C-alpha atoms as a PDB file:
ATOM      1  CA  UNK A   1     -12.472 -69.638  58.412  1.00  0.00           C
ATOM      2  CA  UNK A   2     -14.178 -68.008  55.498  1.00  0.00           C
ATOM      3  CA  UNK A   3     -12.424 -65.030  53.926  1.00  0.00           C
ATOM      4  CA  UNK A   4     -14.078 -61.748  54.661  1.00  0.00           C
ATOM      5  CA  UNK A   5     -16.146 -60.627  51.718  1.00  0.00           C
ATOM      6  CA  UNK A   6     -15.564 -57.083  50.550  1.00  0.00           C
ATOM      7  CA  UNK A   7     -18.690 -55.216  49.749  1.00  0.00           C
ATOM      8  CA  UNK A   8     -18.211 -52.264  47.392  1.00  0.00           C
ATOM      9  CA  UNK A   9     -20.103 -49.220  48.479  1.00  0.00           C
ATOM     10  CA  UNK A  10     -20.765 -46.546  45.939  1.00  0.00           C
ATOM     11  CA  UNK A  11     -19.785 -43.073  47.079  1.00  0.00           C
ATOM     12  CA  UNK A  12     -22.028 -40.144  46.482  1.00  0.00           C
ATOM     13  CA  UNK A  13     -19.961 -38.113  44.049  1.00  0.00           C
ATOM     14  CA  UNK A  14     -20.531 -34.406  43.863  1.00  0.00           C
ATOM     15  CA  UNK A  15     -20.220 -32.974  40.376  1.00  0.00           C
ATOM     16  CA  UNK A  16     -17.867 -30.021  40.033  1.00  0.00           C
ATOM     17  CA  UNK A  17     -19.442 -26.716  39.336  1.00  0.00           C
ATOM     18  CA  UNK A  18     -18.056 -25.128  36.147  1.00  0.00           C
ATOM     19  CA  UNK A  19     -18.676 -21.615  37.397  1.00  0.00           C
ATOM     20  CA  UNK A  20     -16.154 -22.144  40.214  1.00  0.00           C
ATOM     21  CA  UNK A  21     -13.286 -22.629  37.714  1.00  0.00           C
ATOM     22  CA  UNK A  22     -11.781 -19.373  36.461  1.00  0.00           C
ATOM     23  CA  UNK A  23      -9.119 -19.870  33.782  1.00  0.00           C
ATOM     24  CA  UNK A  24      -8.131 -16.220  34.047  1.00  0.00           C
ATOM     25  CA  UNK A  25      -6.784 -16.838  37.537  1.00  0.00           C
ATOM     26  CA  UNK A  26      -4.296 -19.451  36.318  1.00  0.00           C
ATOM     27  CA  UNK A  27      -0.801 -18.017  36.307  1.00  0.00           C
ATOM     28  CA  UNK A  28       1.909 -18.845  33.797  1.00  0.00           C
ATOM     29  CA  UNK A  29       5.530 -18.483  34.744  1.00  0.00           C
ATOM     30  CA  UNK A  30       8.527 -18.066  32.477  1.00  0.00           C
ATOM     31  CA  UNK A  31      11.599 -20.148  33.177  1.00  0.00           C
ATOM     32  CA  UNK A  32      15.179 -19.942  31.925  1.00  0.00           C
ATOM     33  CA  UNK A  33      16.634 -23.353  31.066  1.00  0.00           C
ATOM     34  CA  UNK A  34      20.222 -24.036  30.048  1.00  0.00           C
ATOM     35  CA  UNK A  35      20.539 -26.695  27.347  1.00  0.00           C
ATOM     36  CA  UNK A  36      24.116 -27.845  27.167  1.00  0.00           C
ATOM     37  CA  UNK A  37      26.945 -27.205  26.928  1.00  0.00           C
ATOM     38  CA  UNK A  38      26.643 -29.809  24.207  1.00  0.00           C
ATOM     39  CA  UNK A  39      27.610 -30.583  20.637  1.00  0.00           C
ATOM     40  CA  UNK A  40      26.366 -33.167  18.120  1.00  0.00           C
ATOM     41  CA  UNK A  41      29.656 -35.056  18.413  1.00  0.00           C
ATOM     42  CA  UNK A  42      31.868 -33.669  21.172  1.00  0.00           C
ATOM     43  CA  UNK A  43      30.618 -32.192  24.414  1.00  0.00           C
ATOM     44  CA  UNK A  44      31.650 -28.812  25.708  1.00  0.00           C
ATOM     45  CA  UNK A  45      30.866 -26.321  22.958  1.00  0.00           C
ATOM     46  CA  UNK A  46      27.280 -25.194  22.358  1.00  0.00           C
ATOM     47  CA  UNK A  47      25.005 -23.896  25.120  1.00  0.00           C
ATOM     48  CA  UNK A  48      21.461 -22.666  24.550  1.00  0.00           C
ATOM     49  CA  UNK A  49      19.869 -20.281  27.036  1.00  0.00           C
ATOM     50  CA  UNK A  50      16.160 -20.958  26.581  1.00  0.00           C
ATOM     51  CA  UNK A  51      13.325 -18.778  27.881  1.00  0.00           C
ATOM     52  CA  UNK A  52      10.274 -21.027  28.083  1.00  0.00           C
ATOM     53  CA  UNK A  53       6.679 -20.692  29.192  1.00  0.00           C
ATOM     54  CA  UNK A  54       5.552 -24.234  29.826  1.00  0.00           C
ATOM     55  CA  UNK A  55       6.324 -26.120  26.623  1.00  0.00           C
ATOM     56  CA  UNK A  56       6.489 -22.950  24.532  1.00  0.00           C
ATOM     57  CA  UNK A  57       9.986 -21.638  23.767  1.00  0.00           C
ATOM     58  CA  UNK A  58       9.725 -17.848  23.664  1.00  0.00           C
ATOM     59  CA  UNK A  59      13.378 -16.931  23.158  1.00  0.00           C
ATOM     60  CA  UNK A  60      16.724 -18.648  22.626  1.00  0.00           C
ATOM     61  CA  UNK A  61      20.161 -17.118  23.185  1.00  0.00           C
ATOM     62  CA  UNK A  62      22.923 -19.347  21.749  1.00  0.00           C
ATOM     63  CA  UNK A  63      26.389 -19.342  23.283  1.00  0.00           C
ATOM     64  CA  UNK A  64      28.544 -20.979  20.626  1.00  0.00           C
ATOM     65  CA  UNK A  65      31.755 -21.349  22.575  1.00  0.00           C
ATOM     66  CA  UNK A  66      35.022 -22.652  21.195  1.00  0.00           C
ATOM     67  CA  UNK A  67      36.710 -26.024  21.231  1.00  0.00           C
ATOM     68  CA  UNK A  68      40.403 -25.226  20.896  1.00  0.00           C
ATOM     69  CA  UNK A  69      42.726 -28.148  20.229  1.00  0.00           C
ATOM     70  CA  UNK A  70      45.861 -26.078  19.584  1.00  0.00           C
ATOM     71  CA  UNK A  71      46.100 -27.287  15.975  1.00  0.00           C
ATOM     72  CA  UNK A  72      47.473 -23.971  14.766  1.00  0.00           C
ATOM     73  CA  UNK A  73      50.161 -23.851  17.437  1.00  0.00           C
ATOM     74  CA  UNK A  74      51.191 -27.442  16.835  1.00  0.00           C
ATOM     75  CA  UNK A  75      51.591 -26.879  13.107  1.00  0.00           C
ATOM     76  CA  UNK A  76      53.619 -23.655  13.250  1.00  0.00           C
ATOM     77  CA  UNK A  77      56.945 -25.507  13.079  1.00  0.00           C
ATOM     78  CA  UNK A  78      55.894 -28.511  10.996  1.00  0.00           C
ATOM     79  CA  UNK A  79      56.532 -29.083   7.278  1.00  0.00           C
ATOM     80  CA  UNK A  80      53.421 -28.834   5.127  1.00  0.00           C
ATOM     81  CA  UNK A  81      53.186 -32.580   4.568  1.00  0.00           C
ATOM     82  CA  UNK A  82      53.168 -33.298   8.316  1.00  0.00           C
ATOM     83  CA  UNK A  83      50.157 -31.052   8.928  1.00  0.00           C
ATOM     84  CA  UNK A  84      47.722 -33.383   7.137  1.00  0.00           C
ATOM     85  CA  UNK A  85      47.041 -35.570  10.234  1.00  0.00           C
ATOM     86  CA  UNK A  86      45.925 -32.412  12.047  1.00  0.00           C
ATOM     87  CA  UNK A  87      43.686 -31.461   9.124  1.00  0.00           C
ATOM     88  CA  UNK A  88      42.028 -34.886   9.363  1.00  0.00           C
ATOM     89  CA  UNK A  89      40.821 -34.067  12.861  1.00  0.00           C
ATOM     90  CA  UNK A  90      39.175 -30.767  11.959  1.00  0.00           C
ATOM     91  CA  UNK A  91      36.130 -32.707  10.716  1.00  0.00           C
ATOM     92  CA  UNK A  92      36.756 -36.348  11.420  1.00  0.00           C
ATOM     93  CA  UNK A  93      33.512 -37.534   9.798  1.00  0.00           C
ATOM     94  CA  UNK A  94      34.607 -35.968   6.480  1.00  0.00           C
ATOM     95  CA  UNK A  95      38.395 -36.051   6.728  1.00  0.00           C
ATOM     96  CA  UNK A  96      38.968 -36.608   2.997  1.00  0.00           C
ATOM     97  CA  UNK A  97      37.298 -33.299   2.200  1.00  0.00           C
ATOM     98  CA  UNK A  98      39.490 -31.458   4.697  1.00  0.00           C
ATOM     99  CA  UNK A  99      42.591 -33.079   3.223  1.00  0.00           C
ATOM    100  CA  UNK A 100      41.478 -32.172  -0.292  1.00  0.00           C
ATOM    101  CA  UNK A 101      40.978 -28.505   0.572  1.00  0.00           C
ATOM    102  CA  UNK A 102      44.289 -28.282   2.437  1.00  0.00           C
ATOM    103  CA  UNK A 103      46.294 -29.987  -0.305  1.00  0.00           C
ATOM    104  CA  UNK A 104      44.834 -27.711  -2.990  1.00  0.00           C
ATOM    105  CA  UNK A 105      45.589 -24.636  -0.890  1.00  0.00           C
ATOM    106  CA  UNK A 106      49.238 -25.567  -0.371  1.00  0.00           C
ATOM    107  CA  UNK A 107      49.643 -26.559  -4.032  1.00  0.00           C
ATOM    108  CA  UNK A 108      48.235 -23.225  -5.157  1.00  0.00           C
ATOM    109  CA  UNK A 109      50.545 -21.392  -2.767  1.00  0.00           C
ATOM    110  CA  UNK A 110      53.541 -23.334  -4.127  1.00  0.00           C
ATOM    111  CA  UNK A 111      52.427 -22.807  -7.733  1.00  0.00           C
ATOM    112  CA  UNK A 112      52.240 -26.511  -8.600  1.00  0.00           C
ATOM    113  CA  UNK A 113      48.502 -26.839  -9.220  1.00  0.00           C
ATOM    114  CA  UNK A 114      48.989 -27.480 -12.938  1.00  0.00           C
ATOM    115  CA  UNK A 115      51.500 -30.234 -12.212  1.00  0.00           C
ATOM    116  CA  UNK A 116      49.031 -32.511 -10.418  1.00  0.00           C
ATOM    117  CA  UNK A 117      48.261 -35.579 -12.614  1.00  0.00           C
ATOM    118  CA  UNK A 118      44.703 -35.885 -13.865  1.00  0.00           C
ATOM    119  CA  UNK A 119      44.341 -39.354 -12.341  1.00  0.00           C
ATOM    120  CA  UNK A 120      45.242 -37.954  -8.937  1.00  0.00           C
ATOM    121  CA  UNK A 121      42.577 -35.265  -9.281  1.00  0.00           C
ATOM    122  CA  UNK A 122      39.896 -37.807 -10.164  1.00  0.00           C
ATOM    123  CA  UNK A 123      40.829 -40.069  -7.273  1.00  0.00           C
ATOM    124  CA  UNK A 124      40.755 -37.111  -4.890  1.00  0.00           C
ATOM    125  CA  UNK A 125      37.261 -36.157  -6.011  1.00  0.00           C
ATOM    126  CA  UNK A 126      36.098 -39.772  -5.833  1.00  0.00           C
ATOM    127  CA  UNK A 127      37.195 -40.381  -2.243  1.00  0.00           C
ATOM    128  CA  UNK A 128      36.080 -36.894  -1.144  1.00  0.00           C
ATOM    129  CA  UNK A 129      32.572 -37.393  -2.529  1.00  0.00           C
ATOM    130  CA  UNK A 130      32.321 -40.833  -0.949  1.00  0.00           C
ATOM    131  CA  UNK A 131      33.328 -39.325   2.375  1.00  0.00           C
ATOM    132  CA  UNK A 132      30.819 -36.505   1.839  1.00  0.00           C
ATOM    133  CA  UNK A 133      28.025 -39.076   1.526  1.00  0.00           C
ATOM    134  CA  UNK A 134      29.182 -40.764   4.733  1.00  0.00           C
ATOM    135  CA  UNK A 135      29.215 -37.390   6.494  1.00  0.00           C
ATOM    136  CA  UNK A 136      25.728 -36.469   5.264  1.00  0.00           C
ATOM    137  CA  UNK A 137      24.429 -39.838   6.440  1.00  0.00           C
ATOM    138  CA  UNK A 138      25.655 -39.070   9.944  1.00  0.00           C
ATOM    139  CA  UNK A 139      24.011 -35.633   9.789  1.00  0.00           C
ATOM    140  CA  UNK A 140      20.621 -37.016   8.724  1.00  0.00           C
ATOM    141  CA  UNK A 141      20.806 -39.919  11.164  1.00  0.00           C
ATOM    142  CA  UNK A 142      21.509 -37.757  14.206  1.00  0.00           C
ATOM    143  CA  UNK A 143      18.873 -35.296  12.985  1.00  0.00           C
ATOM    144  CA  UNK A 144      16.361 -38.123  13.168  1.00  0.00           C
ATOM    145  CA  UNK A 145      17.576 -39.105  16.637  1.00  0.00           C
ATOM    146  CA  UNK A 146      16.916 -35.580  17.899  1.00  0.00           C
ATOM    147  CA  UNK A 147      13.363 -35.847  16.577  1.00  0.00           C
ATOM    148  CA  UNK A 148      12.746 -39.223  18.192  1.00  0.00           C
ATOM    149  CA  UNK A 149      13.385 -41.510  15.202  1.00  0.00           C
ATOM    150  CA  UNK A 150      15.751 -44.220  16.423  1.00  0.00           C
ATOM    151  CA  UNK A 151      15.548 -46.922  13.730  1.00  0.00           C
ATOM    152  CA  UNK A 152      16.769 -44.849  10.729  1.00  0.00           C
ATOM    153  CA  UNK A 153      20.035 -44.131  12.513  1.00  0.00           C
ATOM    154  CA  UNK A 154      20.894 -47.842  12.610  1.00  0.00           C
ATOM    155  CA  UNK A 155      20.025 -48.250   8.932  1.00  0.00           C
ATOM    156  CA  UNK A 156      22.208 -45.262   8.103  1.00  0.00           C
ATOM    157  CA  UNK A 157      25.156 -46.570  10.109  1.00  0.00           C
ATOM    158  CA  UNK A 158      24.844 -49.870   8.254  1.00  0.00           C
ATOM    159  CA  UNK A 159      25.046 -48.144   4.855  1.00  0.00           C
ATOM    160  CA  UNK A 160      27.797 -45.770   5.975  1.00  0.00           C
ATOM    161  CA  UNK A 161      29.901 -48.752   6.967  1.00  0.00           C
ATOM    162  CA  UNK A 162      30.202 -49.806   3.306  1.00  0.00           C
ATOM    163  CA  UNK A 163      31.798 -46.438   2.483  1.00  0.00           C
ATOM    164  CA  UNK A 164      34.180 -46.568   5.432  1.00  0.00           C
ATOM    165  CA  UNK A 165      35.368 -50.013   4.385  1.00  0.00           C
ATOM    166  CA  UNK A 166      36.115 -48.787   0.868  1.00  0.00           C
ATOM    167  CA  UNK A 167      38.040 -45.781   2.165  1.00  0.00           C
ATOM    168  CA  UNK A 168      39.908 -47.997   4.610  1.00  0.00           C
ATOM    169  CA  UNK A 169      40.809 -50.312   1.740  1.00  0.00           C
ATOM    170  CA  UNK A 170      42.319 -47.381  -0.168  1.00  0.00           C
ATOM    171  CA  UNK A 171      44.052 -45.557   2.689  1.00  0.00           C
ATOM    172  CA  UNK A 172      44.603 -48.127   5.414  1.00  0.00           C
ATOM    173  CA  UNK A 173      42.700 -46.040   7.972  1.00  0.00           C
ATOM    174  CA  UNK A 174      39.069 -46.138   8.977  1.00  0.00           C
ATOM    175  CA  UNK A 175      38.377 -42.432   9.611  1.00  0.00           C
ATOM    176  CA  UNK A 176      41.562 -40.323   9.830  1.00  0.00           C
ATOM    177  CA  UNK A 177      43.009 -41.185   6.451  1.00  0.00           C
ATOM    178  CA  UNK A 178      46.160 -39.153   5.742  1.00  0.00           C
ATOM    179  CA  UNK A 179      45.548 -40.148   2.119  1.00  0.00           C
ATOM    180  CA  UNK A 180      45.458 -36.939   0.057  1.00  0.00           C
ATOM    181  CA  UNK A 181      48.955 -35.499   0.171  1.00  0.00           C
ATOM    182  CA  UNK A 182      50.424 -32.247  -1.125  1.00  0.00           C
ATOM    183  CA  UNK A 183      51.336 -32.966  -4.743  1.00  0.00           C
ATOM    184  CA  UNK A 184      49.603 -36.329  -4.946  1.00  0.00           C
ATOM    185  CA  UNK A 185      48.254 -39.240  -2.920  1.00  0.00           C
ATOM    186  CA  UNK A 186      49.508 -41.648  -0.293  1.00  0.00           C
ATOM    187  CA  UNK A 187      49.005 -44.505  -2.748  1.00  0.00           C
ATOM    188  CA  UNK A 188      47.060 -45.402  -5.866  1.00  0.00           C
ATOM    189  CA  UNK A 189      43.698 -47.125  -5.570  1.00  0.00           C
ATOM    190  CA  UNK A 190      43.857 -50.896  -5.013  1.00  0.00           C
ATOM    191  CA  UNK A 191      42.996 -53.280  -7.834  1.00  0.00           C
ATOM    192  CA  UNK A 192      39.243 -53.856  -7.979  1.00  0.00           C
ATOM    193  CA  UNK A 193      38.335 -50.606  -6.214  1.00  0.00           C
ATOM    194  CA  UNK A 194      36.335 -49.286  -9.184  1.00  0.00           C
ATOM    195  CA  UNK A 195      34.215 -52.435  -9.359  1.00  0.00           C
ATOM    196  CA  UNK A 196      33.522 -52.312  -5.631  1.00  0.00           C
ATOM    197  CA  UNK A 197      32.408 -48.687  -5.972  1.00  0.00           C
ATOM    198  CA  UNK A 198      29.981 -49.604  -8.750  1.00  0.00           C
ATOM    199  CA  UNK A 199      28.579 -52.403  -6.613  1.00  0.00           C
ATOM    200  CA  UNK A 200      28.079 -49.964  -3.753  1.00  0.00           C
ATOM    201  CA  UNK A 201      26.197 -47.520  -5.999  1.00  0.00           C
ATOM    202  CA  UNK A 202      23.868 -50.316  -7.115  1.00  0.00           C
ATOM    203  CA  UNK A 203      23.308 -51.242  -3.480  1.00  0.00           C
ATOM    204  CA  UNK A 204      22.915 -47.693  -2.151  1.00  0.00           C
ATOM    205  CA  UNK A 205      20.367 -46.140  -4.527  1.00  0.00           C
ATOM    206  CA  UNK A 206      17.382 -48.190  -3.296  1.00  0.00           C
ATOM    207  CA  UNK A 207      18.544 -47.594   0.273  1.00  0.00           C
ATOM    208  CA  UNK A 208      18.123 -43.853  -0.269  1.00  0.00           C
ATOM    209  CA  UNK A 209      14.514 -44.474  -1.297  1.00  0.00           C
ATOM    210  CA  UNK A 210      14.019 -46.500   1.887  1.00  0.00           C
ATOM    211  CA  UNK A 211      15.550 -43.685   3.938  1.00  0.00           C
ATOM    212  CA  UNK A 212      13.200 -41.142   2.405  1.00  0.00           C
ATOM    213  CA  UNK A 213      10.171 -43.318   3.098  1.00  0.00           C
ATOM    214  CA  UNK A 214      11.241 -44.140   6.646  1.00  0.00           C
ATOM    215  CA  UNK A 215      12.414 -40.703   7.760  1.00  0.00           C
ATOM    216  CA  UNK A 216      12.202 -37.704   5.434  1.00  0.00           C
ATOM    217  CA  UNK A 217       8.693 -38.437   4.096  1.00  0.00           C
ATOM    218  CA  UNK A 218       7.445 -39.732   7.440  1.00  0.00           C
ATOM    219  CA  UNK A 219       4.399 -37.817   8.680  1.00  0.00           C
ATOM    220  CA  UNK A 220       5.807 -37.329  12.182  1.00  0.00           C
ATOM    221  CA  UNK A 221       9.116 -36.074  10.750  1.00  0.00           C
ATOM    222  CA  UNK A 222       7.251 -33.671   8.458  1.00  0.00           C
ATOM    223  CA  UNK A 223       5.030 -32.380  11.279  1.00  0.00           C
ATOM    224  CA  UNK A 224       8.089 -31.639  13.411  1.00  0.00           C
ATOM    225  CA  UNK A 225      10.197 -29.960  10.708  1.00  0.00           C
ATOM    226  CA  UNK A 226       7.972 -28.433   7.996  1.00  0.00           C
ATOM    227  CA  UNK A 227       7.390 -24.683   8.454  1.00  0.00           C
ATOM    228  CA  UNK A 228       9.715 -24.751  11.479  1.00  0.00           C
ATOM    229  CA  UNK A 229      12.874 -22.640  11.811  1.00  0.00           C
ATOM    230  CA  UNK A 230      12.548 -20.978   8.417  1.00  0.00           C
ATOM    231  CA  UNK A 231      15.808 -19.425   7.172  1.00  0.00           C
ATOM    232  CA  UNK A 232      14.926 -16.839   4.491  1.00  0.00           C
ATOM    233  CA  UNK A 233      17.326 -16.515   1.579  1.00  0.00           C
ATOM    234  CA  UNK A 234      18.437 -12.970   2.402  1.00  0.00           C
ATOM    235  CA  UNK A 235      19.214 -13.956   5.993  1.00  0.00           C
ATOM    236  CA  UNK A 236      21.061 -17.072   4.807  1.00  0.00           C
ATOM    237  CA  UNK A 237      23.257 -14.980   2.503  1.00  0.00           C
ATOM    238  CA  UNK A 238      23.898 -12.259   5.082  1.00  0.00           C
ATOM    239  CA  UNK A 239      24.751 -14.879   7.710  1.00  0.00           C
ATOM    240  CA  UNK A 240      27.281 -16.604   5.453  1.00  0.00           C
ATOM    241  CA  UNK A 241      25.361 -19.877   5.145  1.00  0.00           C
ATOM    242  CA  UNK A 242      26.871 -22.382   2.725  1.00  0.00           C
ATOM    243  CA  UNK A 243      26.239 -25.866   1.389  1.00  0.00           C
ATOM    244  CA  UNK A 244      22.868 -27.537   2.047  1.00  0.00           C
ATOM    245  CA  UNK A 245      21.798 -24.692   4.356  1.00  0.00           C
ATOM    246  CA  UNK A 246      22.136 -22.103   1.585  1.00  0.00           C
ATOM    247  CA  UNK A 247      20.621 -24.335  -1.086  1.00  0.00           C
ATOM    248  CA  UNK A 248      17.804 -25.215   1.301  1.00  0.00           C
ATOM    249  CA  UNK A 249      16.899 -21.511   1.352  1.00  0.00           C
ATOM    250  CA  UNK A 250      16.391 -21.605  -2.404  1.00  0.00           C
ATOM    251  CA  UNK A 251      19.705 -20.493  -3.944  1.00  0.00           C
ATOM    252  CA  UNK A 252      21.197 -22.869  -6.520  1.00  0.00           C
ATOM    253  CA  UNK A 253      24.800 -22.241  -5.502  1.00  0.00           C
ATOM    254  CA  UNK A 254      27.570 -24.824  -5.265  1.00  0.00           C
ATOM    255  CA  UNK A 255      31.280 -23.964  -5.271  1.00  0.00           C
ATOM    256  CA  UNK A 256      32.017 -27.090  -7.293  1.00  0.00           C
ATOM    257  CA  UNK A 257      29.907 -25.579 -10.071  1.00  0.00           C
ATOM    258  CA  UNK A 258      30.597 -21.883  -9.532  1.00  0.00           C
ATOM    259  CA  UNK A 259      34.333 -22.027  -8.821  1.00  0.00           C
ATOM    260  CA  UNK A 260      35.061 -25.157 -10.809  1.00  0.00           C
ATOM    261  CA  UNK A 261      38.091 -26.374  -8.860  1.00  0.00           C
ATOM    262  CA  UNK A 262      39.837 -29.702  -9.430  1.00  0.00           C
ATOM    263  CA  UNK A 263      38.021 -31.804 -12.085  1.00  0.00           C
ATOM    264  CA  UNK A 264      34.495 -30.804 -11.093  1.00  0.00           C
ATOM    265  CA  UNK A 265      33.977 -28.774 -14.315  1.00  0.00           C
ATOM    266  CA  UNK A 266      34.324 -32.066 -16.222  1.00  0.00           C
ATOM    267  CA  UNK A 267      31.579 -33.758 -14.190  1.00  0.00           C
ATOM    268  CA  UNK A 268      27.853 -33.511 -14.896  1.00  0.00           C
ATOM    269  CA  UNK A 269      25.724 -33.267 -11.762  1.00  0.00           C
ATOM    270  CA  UNK A 270      22.672 -31.356 -10.579  1.00  0.00           C
ATOM    271  CA  UNK A 271      22.292 -29.013  -7.620  1.00  0.00           C
ATOM    272  CA  UNK A 272      19.031 -29.676  -5.723  1.00  0.00           C
ATOM    273  CA  UNK A 273      17.520 -26.669  -3.965  1.00  0.00           C
ATOM    274  CA  UNK A 274      14.689 -26.110  -1.524  1.00  0.00           C
ATOM    275  CA  UNK A 275      11.297 -25.837  -3.210  1.00  0.00           C
ATOM    276  CA  UNK A 276       8.904 -25.883  -0.266  1.00  0.00           C
ATOM    277  CA  UNK A 277       7.642 -29.370  -1.116  1.00  0.00           C
ATOM    278  CA  UNK A 278       6.394 -30.090   2.405  1.00  0.00           C
ATOM    279  CA  UNK A 279       6.309 -26.618   3.893  1.00  0.00           C
ATOM    280  CA  UNK A 280       8.209 -23.378   3.398  1.00  0.00           C
ATOM    281  CA  UNK A 281      11.448 -22.840   1.506  1.00  0.00           C
ATOM    282  CA  UNK A 282      14.217 -22.662   4.084  1.00  0.00           C
ATOM    283  CA  UNK A 283      12.476 -24.645   6.820  1.00  0.00           C
ATOM    284  CA  UNK A 284      13.939 -27.542   8.809  1.00  0.00           C
ATOM    285  CA  UNK A 285      12.537 -30.182   6.448  1.00  0.00           C
ATOM    286  CA  UNK A 286      14.312 -28.801   3.388  1.00  0.00           C
ATOM    287  CA  UNK A 287      17.923 -29.632   4.292  1.00  0.00           C
ATOM    288  CA  UNK A 288      17.561 -33.416   4.734  1.00  0.00           C
ATOM    289  CA  UNK A 289      15.337 -33.440   1.658  1.00  0.00           C
ATOM    290  CA  UNK A 290      18.035 -31.724  -0.416  1.00  0.00           C
ATOM    291  CA  UNK A 291      20.706 -34.063   0.938  1.00  0.00           C
ATOM    292  CA  UNK A 292      18.737 -37.181  -0.018  1.00  0.00           C
ATOM    293  CA  UNK A 293      18.175 -35.726  -3.483  1.00  0.00           C
ATOM    294  CA  UNK A 294      21.933 -35.227  -3.822  1.00  0.00           C
ATOM    295  CA  UNK A 295      22.611 -38.849  -2.921  1.00  0.00           C
ATOM    296  CA  UNK A 296      20.950 -39.964  -6.138  1.00  0.00           C
ATOM    297  CA  UNK A 297      21.601 -36.720  -8.083  1.00  0.00           C
ATOM    298  CA  UNK A 298      17.896 -36.045  -8.609  1.00  0.00           C
END
C-alpha cells in the first residue's frame, strides 16, 4: 500500500490592517515584586520591594534587616583574647582585617600600642592586605555573576585559592584564622613565606590584566554598569560611604593614608579614584575598576 501523499495547500492570508491597531489602547500595569530576603553570602537579610512596570523598575524600597548572631552577648564574659574567634566571623571572607582592627582597638585601650614589635606590625599588614585582595576578588566575582558573567568567577576563585593557601600556611586555618592576637601574633611566619609571596605577586599581576579584559572592560559589562546607579560625592559623604564606594565617587580618601595607623605611613602606595573612564563618576562600573587598579597599585 502506497503511503498517502500530503499535498500542501496554500491558505489565503489576509493582511492585517494597520489602522485597526491602536497603541494608545494598550494598558500598562504596575506590579510590586519582592526580591529576597537575600544576601550576597547568607540568606535572610536584605529584601527589596520593587515597583515595576514591565521590565522598567520605577521605585525600590530596601528593607535591610538584621542578622543577629549574639556575638556581643557571647563575648560579655570572655577575656579579650578569647573574643578573636568571634571577630573572625564578622566578615569571614576578610577575617584578618577584622582581627587586625580588633587587636589594635584593645591594645590602644590597654595602652600597649607602642610596645608592639615592628615585625609584628609588618606581618599584620601583610596578611591583612593579602586577605583584602581575596575579599575584593570575591566581591568582583559575585558582581559579575549578578550581571550574567559566569566564567570570570571561576578564574577569580582559582587565583583567590593561592592567597588562602598562603594564609593557611601561616595560621593553620583556611578562612577563620585566629592569627592576629592582642599584643602580637599566634606564630611567626613560616620559613619561605616571603619567597612564596613574591612568587604569587609575579603570578597575579598578569591575571589582573586578564580579569580586566574579561570582565571590567567587557562591552556587555560596561553597558550594564556605566552610567547606572550613580552615587554623587555629596550623597556618598552624607550617607557615610567608605572604602571603594567613597573613592568611586571621586574622593581620594583612605584611612591608611589619612589616619596612618600601624606601619602604613612607612609604605608607599597610591589611592585610585573614580574618574568616569567608561561613564559617570560614581556609577556602578567605577567600583570594580578602582578595585582592579588597587590590585596592581596603578
